Amino acid sequence: MTINQAVIKKIVDLAKQYGATRLILFGSALERPEDARDIDIACDGIQGWKLYEMAARLEEELAAPLDIVPLSPPTRFTRLIEEKGKPLL
């Protein structure tokens, strides 16, 4: 799967619909978008199960596996994502 601007736009648009305030792309989709087997996204602003509902919708619409990480509460892992990832929102 290739991660291109159309895929990024779809991710951002759907995340906004769910109320996302921050969205960060990280992992293989950022480092090697042409070879990515999944999409790794970190998100803030979507509470509880709605975050995972959004992730399921994205997986379905993109026909690609998606890993979602909540940015709150902050951890060493989320700080690393914030440092190395690409903000989409």
N, C-alpha and C. Protein backbone atom coordinates (compact mmCIF):
# COMPACT_ATOMS: atom_id res chain seq x y z
N MET A 1 0.84 -1.18 0.00
CA MET A 1 0.00 0.00 0.00
C MET A 1 0.88 1.24 0.00
N THR A 2 0.55 2.18 -0.82
CA THR A 2 1.27 3.44 -0.87
C THR A 2 0.49 4.50 -0.09
N ILE A 3 1.20 5.20 0.79
CA ILE A 3 0.58 6.28 1.55
C ILE A 3 0.80 7.57 0.76
N ASN A 4 -0.26 8.05 0.13
CA ASN A 4 -0.14 9.27 -0.67
C ASN A 4 -1.03 10.36 -0.08
N GLN A 5 -1.10 11.50 -0.75
CA GLN A 5 -1.87 12.64 -0.25
C GLN A 5 -3.36 12.33 -0.15
N ALA A 6 -3.88 11.52 -1.04
CA ALA A 6 -5.30 11.17 -0.99
C ALA A 6 -5.60 10.36 0.28
N VAL A 7 -4.71 9.46 0.63
CA VAL A 7 -4.87 8.66 1.85
C VAL A 7 -4.77 9.56 3.07
N ILE A 8 -3.79 10.44 3.08
CA ILE A 8 -3.62 11.38 4.20
C ILE A 8 -4.86 12.25 4.35
N LYS A 9 -5.39 12.75 3.24
CA LYS A 9 -6.58 13.61 3.30
C LYS A 9 -7.76 12.85 3.89
N LYS A 10 -7.95 11.61 3.48
CA LYS A 10 -9.06 10.81 4.00
C LYS A 10 -8.91 10.61 5.51
N ILE A 11 -7.68 10.34 5.97
CA ILE A 11 -7.41 10.16 7.39
C ILE A 11 -7.74 11.44 8.15
N VAL A 12 -7.24 12.55 7.68
CA VAL A 12 -7.45 13.83 8.36
C VAL A 12 -8.93 14.21 8.36
N ASP A 13 -9.61 14.07 7.23
CA ASP A 13 -11.02 14.43 7.14
C ASP A 13 -11.87 13.62 8.13
N LEU A 14 -11.63 12.32 8.18
CA LEU A 14 -12.41 11.48 9.09
C LEU A 14 -12.08 11.79 10.55
N ALA A 15 -10.80 12.01 10.83
CA ALA A 15 -10.40 12.35 12.20
C ALA A 15 -11.06 13.65 12.65
N LYS A 16 -11.15 14.61 11.78
CA LYS A 16 -11.82 15.88 12.11
C LYS A 16 -13.30 15.64 12.41
N GLN A 17 -13.94 14.77 11.64
CA GLN A 17 -15.35 14.45 11.88
C GLN A 17 -15.56 13.89 13.29
N TYR A 18 -14.58 13.17 13.79
CA TYR A 18 -14.66 12.57 15.12
C TYR A 18 -14.19 13.53 16.22
N GLY A 19 -13.68 14.71 15.83
CA GLY A 19 -13.27 15.70 16.81
C GLY A 19 -11.80 15.70 17.17
N ALA A 20 -10.96 15.10 16.35
CA ALA A 20 -9.52 15.08 16.63
C ALA A 20 -8.96 16.49 16.69
N THR A 21 -8.10 16.73 17.66
CA THR A 21 -7.43 18.02 17.78
C THR A 21 -5.97 17.93 17.35
N ARG A 22 -5.40 16.74 17.42
CA ARG A 22 -4.04 16.49 16.93
C ARG A 22 -4.00 15.12 16.31
N LEU A 23 -3.19 14.98 15.26
CA LEU A 23 -3.03 13.73 14.54
C LEU A 23 -1.60 13.66 14.06
N ILE A 24 -0.92 12.58 14.38
CA ILE A 24 0.49 12.44 14.00
C ILE A 24 0.69 11.10 13.30
N LEU A 25 1.28 11.14 12.13
CA LEU A 25 1.66 9.95 11.38
C LEU A 25 3.05 9.52 11.83
N PHE A 26 3.24 8.23 12.09
CA PHE A 26 4.57 7.75 12.48
C PHE A 26 4.77 6.33 11.94
N GLY A 27 5.93 5.77 12.17
CA GLY A 27 6.21 4.39 11.77
C GLY A 27 6.52 4.25 10.30
N SER A 28 6.28 3.03 9.78
CA SER A 28 6.66 2.71 8.40
C SER A 28 5.91 3.57 7.38
N ALA A 29 4.69 3.98 7.67
CA ALA A 29 3.94 4.81 6.74
C ALA A 29 4.61 6.17 6.53
N LEU A 30 5.38 6.60 7.52
CA LEU A 30 6.12 7.86 7.42
C LEU A 30 7.51 7.62 6.84
N GLU A 31 8.17 6.58 7.33
CA GLU A 31 9.57 6.34 6.94
C GLU A 31 9.71 5.71 5.56
N ARG A 32 8.79 4.81 5.20
CA ARG A 32 8.83 4.12 3.91
C ARG A 32 7.41 4.00 3.36
N PRO A 33 6.78 5.12 2.97
CA PRO A 33 5.37 5.08 2.57
C PRO A 33 5.07 4.13 1.41
N GLU A 34 6.02 3.93 0.54
CA GLU A 34 5.78 3.04 -0.60
C GLU A 34 5.78 1.57 -0.20
N ASP A 35 6.35 1.23 0.96
CA ASP A 35 6.42 -0.16 1.43
C ASP A 35 5.58 -0.42 2.68
N ALA A 36 4.84 0.56 3.13
CA ALA A 36 4.10 0.42 4.39
C ALA A 36 3.06 -0.69 4.29
N ARG A 37 3.01 -1.52 5.33
CA ARG A 37 2.00 -2.57 5.40
C ARG A 37 0.83 -2.16 6.27
N ASP A 38 1.05 -1.12 7.08
CA ASP A 38 -0.02 -0.59 7.91
C ASP A 38 0.19 0.90 8.08
N ILE A 39 -0.76 1.53 8.74
CA ILE A 39 -0.68 2.97 8.98
C ILE A 39 -0.70 3.17 10.48
N ASP A 40 0.29 3.89 10.98
CA ASP A 40 0.40 4.18 12.41
C ASP A 40 0.04 5.64 12.63
N ILE A 41 -0.99 5.86 13.47
CA ILE A 41 -1.49 7.20 13.74
C ILE A 41 -1.59 7.39 15.25
N ALA A 42 -1.16 8.56 15.71
CA ALA A 42 -1.38 8.96 17.10
C ALA A 42 -2.38 10.11 17.07
N CYS A 43 -3.30 10.11 18.04
CA CYS A 43 -4.41 11.04 17.99
C CYS A 43 -4.73 11.61 19.36
N ASP A 44 -5.19 12.85 19.36
CA ASP A 44 -5.66 13.50 20.58
C ASP A 44 -7.01 14.14 20.28
N GLY A 45 -7.87 14.22 21.28
CA GLY A 45 -9.14 14.91 21.13
C GLY A 45 -10.34 14.00 20.96
N ILE A 46 -10.12 12.72 20.72
CA ILE A 46 -11.23 11.77 20.58
C ILE A 46 -11.23 10.90 21.83
N GLN A 47 -12.34 10.90 22.53
CA GLN A 47 -12.41 10.24 23.83
C GLN A 47 -12.94 8.81 23.72
N GLY A 48 -12.43 7.97 24.61
CA GLY A 48 -12.96 6.62 24.81
C GLY A 48 -13.00 5.78 23.54
N TRP A 49 -14.10 5.04 23.44
CA TRP A 49 -14.24 4.08 22.34
C TRP A 49 -14.39 4.75 20.98
N LYS A 50 -14.73 6.03 20.96
CA LYS A 50 -14.86 6.74 19.68
C LYS A 50 -13.55 6.71 18.90
N LEU A 51 -12.43 6.73 19.62
CA LEU A 51 -11.11 6.66 18.97
C LEU A 51 -10.99 5.36 18.18
N TYR A 52 -11.42 4.25 18.78
CA TYR A 52 -11.29 2.95 18.13
C TYR A 52 -12.37 2.76 17.06
N GLU A 53 -13.50 3.42 17.25
CA GLU A 53 -14.53 3.41 16.20
C GLU A 53 -13.99 4.10 14.95
N MET A 54 -13.32 5.25 15.15
CA MET A 54 -12.72 5.96 14.03
C MET A 54 -11.66 5.09 13.35
N ALA A 55 -10.83 4.43 14.13
CA ALA A 55 -9.78 3.58 13.57
C ALA A 55 -10.40 2.45 12.73
N ALA A 56 -11.48 1.85 13.21
CA ALA A 56 -12.15 0.79 12.47
C ALA A 56 -12.71 1.31 11.15
N ARG A 57 -13.31 2.49 11.19
CA ARG A 57 -13.82 3.09 9.95
C ARG A 57 -12.70 3.35 8.96
N LEU A 58 -11.57 3.88 9.46
CA LEU A 58 -10.43 4.13 8.57
C LEU A 58 -9.92 2.85 7.95
N GLU A 59 -9.77 1.80 8.76
CA GLU A 59 -9.32 0.51 8.22
C GLU A 59 -10.24 0.05 7.10
N GLU A 60 -11.53 0.18 7.33
CA GLU A 60 -12.52 -0.25 6.34
C GLU A 60 -12.45 0.60 5.07
N GLU A 61 -12.41 1.92 5.23
CA GLU A 61 -12.41 2.81 4.07
C GLU A 61 -11.10 2.76 3.28
N LEU A 62 -9.98 2.55 3.97
CA LEU A 62 -8.68 2.51 3.30
C LEU A 62 -8.29 1.10 2.87
N ALA A 63 -9.01 0.10 3.37
CA ALA A 63 -8.68 -1.31 3.11
C ALA A 63 -7.23 -1.59 3.50
N ALA A 64 -6.84 -1.07 4.67
CA ALA A 64 -5.47 -1.24 5.16
C ALA A 64 -5.50 -1.34 6.68
N PRO A 65 -4.60 -2.13 7.26
CA PRO A 65 -4.52 -2.18 8.72
C PRO A 65 -4.06 -0.83 9.28
N LEU A 66 -4.62 -0.47 10.43
CA LEU A 66 -4.30 0.80 11.05
C LEU A 66 -4.05 0.58 12.53
N ASP A 67 -2.97 1.15 13.03
CA ASP A 67 -2.68 1.15 14.46
C ASP A 67 -2.93 2.55 14.98
N ILE A 68 -3.69 2.65 16.07
CA ILE A 68 -4.01 3.96 16.63
C ILE A 68 -3.47 4.03 18.06
N VAL A 69 -2.86 5.17 18.39
CA VAL A 69 -2.30 5.40 19.71
C VAL A 69 -2.88 6.70 20.24
N PRO A 70 -3.50 6.67 21.43
CA PRO A 70 -3.95 7.94 22.01
C PRO A 70 -2.74 8.73 22.53
N LEU A 71 -2.73 10.03 22.30
CA LEU A 71 -1.63 10.88 22.77
C LEU A 71 -1.77 11.29 24.23
N SER A 72 -2.95 11.11 24.79
CA SER A 72 -3.18 11.45 26.19
C SER A 72 -3.62 10.21 26.95
N PRO A 73 -3.05 9.97 28.10
CA PRO A 73 -2.04 10.76 28.79
C PRO A 73 -0.67 10.55 28.14
N PRO A 74 0.21 11.54 28.26
CA PRO A 74 1.54 11.42 27.65
C PRO A 74 2.37 10.33 28.32
N THR A 75 3.15 9.66 27.48
CA THR A 75 4.08 8.63 27.94
C THR A 75 5.41 8.84 27.21
N ARG A 76 6.40 8.04 27.54
CA ARG A 76 7.66 8.12 26.79
C ARG A 76 7.42 7.81 25.32
N PHE A 77 6.55 6.84 25.06
CA PHE A 77 6.25 6.46 23.68
C PHE A 77 5.57 7.61 22.93
N THR A 78 4.58 8.25 23.54
CA THR A 78 3.90 9.35 22.84
C THR A 78 4.83 10.54 22.64
N ARG A 79 5.72 10.77 23.59
CA ARG A 79 6.68 11.87 23.40
C ARG A 79 7.62 11.57 22.23
N LEU A 80 8.00 10.30 22.06
CA LEU A 80 8.83 9.90 20.93
C LEU A 80 8.07 10.09 19.62
N ILE A 81 6.80 9.72 19.62
CA ILE A 81 5.96 9.93 18.43
C ILE A 81 5.90 11.41 18.09
N GLU A 82 5.68 12.26 19.10
CA GLU A 82 5.61 13.70 18.86
C GLU A 82 6.92 14.25 18.32
N GLU A 83 8.03 13.68 18.77
CA GLU A 83 9.35 14.15 18.34
C GLU A 83 9.69 13.69 16.93
N LYS A 84 9.35 12.44 16.58
CA LYS A 84 9.80 11.86 15.30
C LYS A 84 8.71 11.82 14.24
N GLY A 85 7.45 11.93 14.66
CA GLY A 85 6.34 11.79 13.72
C GLY A 85 6.07 13.05 12.92
N LYS A 86 5.13 12.92 12.00
CA LYS A 86 4.74 14.06 11.14
C LYS A 86 3.32 14.50 11.53
N PRO A 87 3.17 15.71 12.05
CA PRO A 87 1.83 16.20 12.39
C PRO A 87 0.97 16.35 11.13
N LEU A 88 -0.22 15.79 11.19
CA LEU A 88 -1.17 15.93 10.08
C LEU A 88 -2.27 16.92 10.43
N LEU A 89 -2.44 17.11 11.74
CA LEU A 89 -3.48 18.01 12.22
C LEU A 89 -3.02 18.61 13.54
